[in-house]
Amino acid sequence: MKKFIKLGMVLTLGLFVTGCSGNDSSETISSQSKTIESLKLSNEELNTTVSSLEKTVESFEKDKPADETAKKDKEEQQRKEQEAKAAEEKRILEEQQAAKLSEEQRIAQETAASKQAAEIQAQQNQQQTTQVVAEPSQGQTVYVTATGSKYHTHKCGNGTYTPATLEEAQARGLTACSKCY
């Protein structure tokens, strides 16, 4: 803007100097007056344009912080959304781990219960076997030979077998036949 004003003054001075040297001073003055008037109008137009540009710049500068605020708000919202998503993923992972741990504990308990049940069953089977073996031995009839070292549940092989109780056979030092028992 200052350049335009200086230019106008230089032109005015130049016209004044060139106009003073000629014979037609009234024409020169008139033309210089017209030039000065047109320069004043141009200057006013330039001032108006500069003022308009300054207002535009001011409004742009006012809008700029609003845009920056909106941008910051958007970034903050995105950050919060990412944090919420991360928290949700963490919660889901923890739930999965807790479920896995719970399932492992359940399996371990079932395995322990199965082992315990198997042990109890084995003990019961052993007790039943012991009872079955013990019951027949009380008053059970076995067969023995006069010269043999074994007792039998039935006539096993050649020879003369005589019936006896199991207690009698064991008292004589006889052992069970491997074929019969």
Protein backbone atom coordinates (compact mmCIF):
# COMPACT_ATOMS: atom_id res chain seq x y z
CA MET A 1 0.00 0.00 0.00
CA LYS A 2 2.84 2.37 0.80
CA LYS A 3 4.31 1.56 -2.59
CA PHE A 4 1.13 2.74 -4.27
CA ILE A 5 1.15 5.99 -2.34
CA LYS A 6 4.79 6.60 -3.20
CA LEU A 7 4.08 5.76 -6.82
CA GLY A 8 1.22 8.25 -6.84
CA MET A 9 3.43 10.97 -5.37
CA VAL A 10 6.21 10.23 -7.83
CA LEU A 11 3.76 10.45 -10.72
CA THR A 12 2.30 13.66 -9.36
CA LEU A 13 5.72 15.18 -8.95
CA GLY A 14 6.74 13.97 -12.39
CA LEU A 15 3.65 15.44 -13.99
CA PHE A 16 4.13 18.64 -12.13
CA VAL A 17 7.73 18.91 -13.26
CA THR A 18 6.93 18.08 -16.87
CA GLY A 19 3.89 20.29 -16.90
CA CYS A 20 5.76 23.34 -15.67
CA SER A 21 8.18 23.24 -18.50
CA GLY A 22 5.59 23.45 -21.29
CA ASN A 23 3.62 26.40 -22.66
CA ASP A 24 0.22 25.06 -22.02
CA SER A 25 0.33 25.28 -18.25
CA SER A 26 -3.42 25.37 -17.81
CA GLU A 27 -3.80 22.21 -19.84
CA THR A 28 -0.97 20.63 -17.96
CA ILE A 29 -2.48 21.63 -14.64
CA SER A 30 -5.83 20.34 -15.75
CA SER A 31 -4.35 17.04 -16.89
CA GLN A 32 -2.32 16.85 -13.69
CA SER A 33 -5.46 17.51 -11.65
CA LYS A 34 -7.23 14.72 -13.51
CA THR A 35 -4.29 12.44 -12.93
CA ILE A 36 -4.23 13.36 -9.24
CA GLU A 37 -7.96 12.71 -8.99
CA SER A 38 -7.63 9.34 -10.70
CA LEU A 39 -4.71 8.52 -8.39
CA LYS A 40 -6.82 9.50 -5.39
CA LEU A 41 -9.63 7.25 -6.64
CA SER A 42 -7.15 4.44 -7.23
CA ASN A 43 -5.72 5.06 -3.77
CA GLU A 44 -9.20 4.90 -2.22
CA GLU A 45 -9.95 1.71 -4.14
CA LEU A 46 -6.67 0.26 -2.96
CA ASN A 47 -7.45 1.28 0.63
CA THR A 48 -10.85 -0.42 0.33
CA THR A 49 -9.24 -3.55 -1.11
CA VAL A 50 -6.59 -3.56 1.63
CA SER A 51 -9.28 -3.12 4.28
CA SER A 52 -11.29 -5.97 2.78
CA LEU A 53 -8.19 -8.19 2.69
CA GLU A 54 -7.38 -7.33 6.31
CA LYS A 55 -10.92 -8.33 7.33
CA THR A 56 -10.57 -11.59 5.39
CA VAL A 57 -7.25 -12.31 7.10
CA GLU A 58 -8.77 -11.51 10.50
CA SER A 59 -11.73 -13.81 9.88
CA PHE A 60 -9.35 -16.53 8.68
CA GLU A 61 -7.26 -16.13 11.82
CA LYS A 62 -10.43 -16.31 13.95
CA ASP A 63 -11.54 -19.47 12.13
CA LYS A 64 -8.11 -21.03 12.40
CA PRO A 65 -8.26 -21.51 16.20
CA ALA A 66 -11.78 -22.93 15.85
CA ASP A 67 -10.50 -25.39 13.24
CA GLU A 68 -7.57 -26.29 15.48
CA THR A 69 -9.94 -26.77 18.43
CA ALA A 70 -12.18 -28.99 16.32
CA LYS A 71 -9.13 -30.95 15.17
CA LYS A 72 -7.92 -31.36 18.78
CA ASP A 73 -11.42 -32.43 19.85
CA LYS A 74 -11.50 -35.01 17.08
CA GLU A 75 -8.05 -36.31 18.02
CA GLU A 76 -9.12 -36.49 21.68
CA GLN A 77 -12.27 -38.39 20.72
CA GLN A 78 -10.23 -40.84 18.61
CA ARG A 79 -7.78 -41.31 21.48
CA LYS A 80 -10.67 -42.03 23.90
CA GLU A 81 -12.22 -44.48 21.42
CA GLN A 82 -8.87 -46.28 21.09
CA GLU A 83 -8.51 -46.43 24.88
CA ALA A 84 -12.05 -47.78 25.21
CA LYS A 85 -11.36 -50.39 22.51
CA ALA A 86 -8.10 -51.40 24.22
CA ALA A 87 -9.89 -51.66 27.59
CA GLU A 88 -12.64 -53.82 26.03
CA GLU A 89 -10.04 -56.09 24.39
CA LYS A 90 -8.22 -56.40 27.72
CA ARG A 91 -11.50 -57.25 29.51
CA ILE A 92 -12.34 -59.91 26.92
CA LEU A 93 -8.83 -61.40 27.19
CA GLU A 94 -9.10 -61.51 30.99
CA GLU A 95 -12.50 -63.20 30.74
CA GLN A 96 -11.08 -65.77 28.32
CA GLN A 97 -8.13 -66.42 30.61
CA ALA A 98 -10.45 -66.76 33.62
CA ALA A 99 -12.67 -69.16 31.67
CA LYS A 100 -9.62 -71.16 30.58
CA LEU A 101 -8.33 -71.30 34.15
CA SER A 102 -11.77 -72.32 35.40
CA GLU A 103 -11.95 -75.05 32.75
CA GLU A 104 -8.46 -76.28 33.69
CA GLN A 105 -9.47 -76.37 37.35
CA ARG A 106 -12.66 -78.24 36.49
CA ILE A 107 -10.69 -80.77 34.44
CA ALA A 108 -8.15 -81.17 37.25
CA GLN A 109 -10.97 -81.74 39.75
CA GLU A 110 -12.63 -84.27 37.44
CA THR A 111 -9.30 -86.05 36.95
CA ALA A 112 -8.69 -86.14 40.70
CA ALA A 113 -12.23 -87.40 41.29
CA SER A 114 -11.74 -90.07 38.60
CA LYS A 115 -8.46 -91.20 40.18
CA GLN A 116 -10.07 -91.29 43.60
CA ALA A 117 -13.05 -93.26 42.25
CA ALA A 118 -10.66 -95.67 40.52
CA GLU A 119 -8.72 -96.14 43.75
CA ILE A 120 -11.93 -96.74 45.69
CA GLN A 121 -13.11 -99.20 43.04
CA ALA A 122 -9.76 -100.99 43.15
CA GLN A 123 -9.97 -101.21 46.94
CA GLN A 124 -13.52 -102.55 46.75
CA ASN A 125 -12.50 -105.11 44.13
CA GLN A 126 -9.56 -106.17 46.29
CA GLN A 127 -11.82 -106.47 49.33
CA GLN A 128 -14.35 -108.51 47.35
CA THR A 129 -11.59 -110.76 46.05
CA THR A 130 -10.24 -111.19 49.56
CA GLN A 131 -13.73 -112.01 50.83
CA VAL A 132 -14.36 -114.48 48.01
CA VAL A 133 -11.05 -116.23 48.72
CA ALA A 134 -11.61 -116.15 52.46
CA GLU A 135 -15.20 -117.41 52.37
CA PRO A 136 -14.53 -120.61 50.46
CA SER A 137 -11.61 -121.44 52.72
CA GLN A 138 -13.87 -121.78 55.71
CA GLY A 139 -15.17 -125.31 55.56
CA GLN A 140 -14.37 -125.72 51.89
CA THR A 141 -13.89 -129.25 50.70
CA VAL A 142 -10.67 -129.98 48.87
CA TYR A 143 -9.21 -133.19 47.56
CA VAL A 144 -5.87 -134.61 48.60
CA THR A 145 -3.83 -137.71 47.85
CA ALA A 146 -2.16 -139.83 50.48
CA THR A 147 1.36 -139.07 49.22
CA GLY A 148 0.91 -135.68 47.45
CA SER A 149 2.06 -132.21 48.51
CA LYS A 150 -0.86 -130.32 46.93
CA TYR A 151 -4.58 -129.95 47.52
CA HIS A 152 -7.07 -129.72 44.68
CA THR A 153 -10.56 -128.37 44.01
CA HIS A 154 -11.48 -131.50 42.02
CA LYS A 155 -9.86 -134.74 41.01
CA CYS A 156 -6.88 -133.50 39.07
CA GLY A 157 -4.80 -136.20 37.37
CA ASN A 158 -4.28 -139.86 38.41
CA GLY A 159 -4.44 -141.13 41.89
CA THR A 160 -6.76 -141.75 44.75
CA TYR A 161 -8.25 -138.54 46.10
CA THR A 162 -9.87 -138.24 49.46
CA PRO A 163 -12.00 -135.27 50.54
CA ALA A 164 -10.75 -133.01 53.34
CA THR A 165 -11.42 -129.46 54.57
CA LEU A 166 -9.15 -126.71 53.46
CA GLU A 167 -8.05 -126.12 57.03
CA GLU A 168 -7.02 -129.75 57.39
CA ALA A 169 -5.01 -129.64 54.15
CA GLN A 170 -3.23 -126.45 55.15
CA ALA A 171 -2.56 -127.87 58.62
CA ARG A 172 -0.81 -130.84 56.98
CA GLY A 173 1.45 -128.35 55.11
CA LEU A 174 -0.10 -128.86 51.67
CA THR A 175 -0.17 -126.02 49.12
CA ALA A 176 -2.72 -125.17 46.40
CA CYS A 177 -2.43 -126.89 43.03
CA SER A 178 -1.37 -124.43 40.33
CA LYS A 179 -3.75 -126.02 37.83
CA CYS A 180 -6.79 -125.84 40.08
CA TYR A 181 -6.20 -122.44 41.59
